[in-house]
Amino acid sequence: MTESLWAPAPLPETPGTVWHWQVSSVAQLPQTRADARARAADPGERPTDEDAVDRMVLVFDELLSNGLRHGDLPVEADITSSRQGWLIDITDTALHRPPRVAADRDPAFGGMGLLLVARLATAHGWFTDGRCKHVWAYLPSAAA
């Protein structure tokens, strides 16, 4: 059952502005989150909805931290921002390690991030392109 939550799926084509980060350690997460939040909250991007921005930053952080903890460097993050929402695409070079949902684990021990992302995102998936693994999620903005 949990495997179907993160089935292979291609990255949807989403036009918009692409924000890009290269991240090499979890120590960079606070600054990267802050940058993503500031960009998403920019009123020039779309009507600002704090709840939608909070959800996007949470999903971004979960996927990016998973890439750093369970993937191989380099880890890169792209957010494609449009008036309809955000497409978050995290890449790493651990082609042989698909995202794995923590099944049958006490939530007190962590590992629930992919379940959370699956619940918050309207679409999500992963695939490899021969060079890297992509783990992605799409979240609508309040304007969608």
Foldseek 3Di string as FASTA:
>chain_A
DQQVLAAADDQDDDDADKDKDWDAAPVCLVVVLVVQLVVQQPVVQENHDPVLSVLVSLLLSLVQVCCNPPAAPGKMWMWGGHRFWIKIKIKGARQVDGDDQDPPDDCVVPRHSSVSQSVQFPDWYWDDDVRIIITIGIHTGPSD
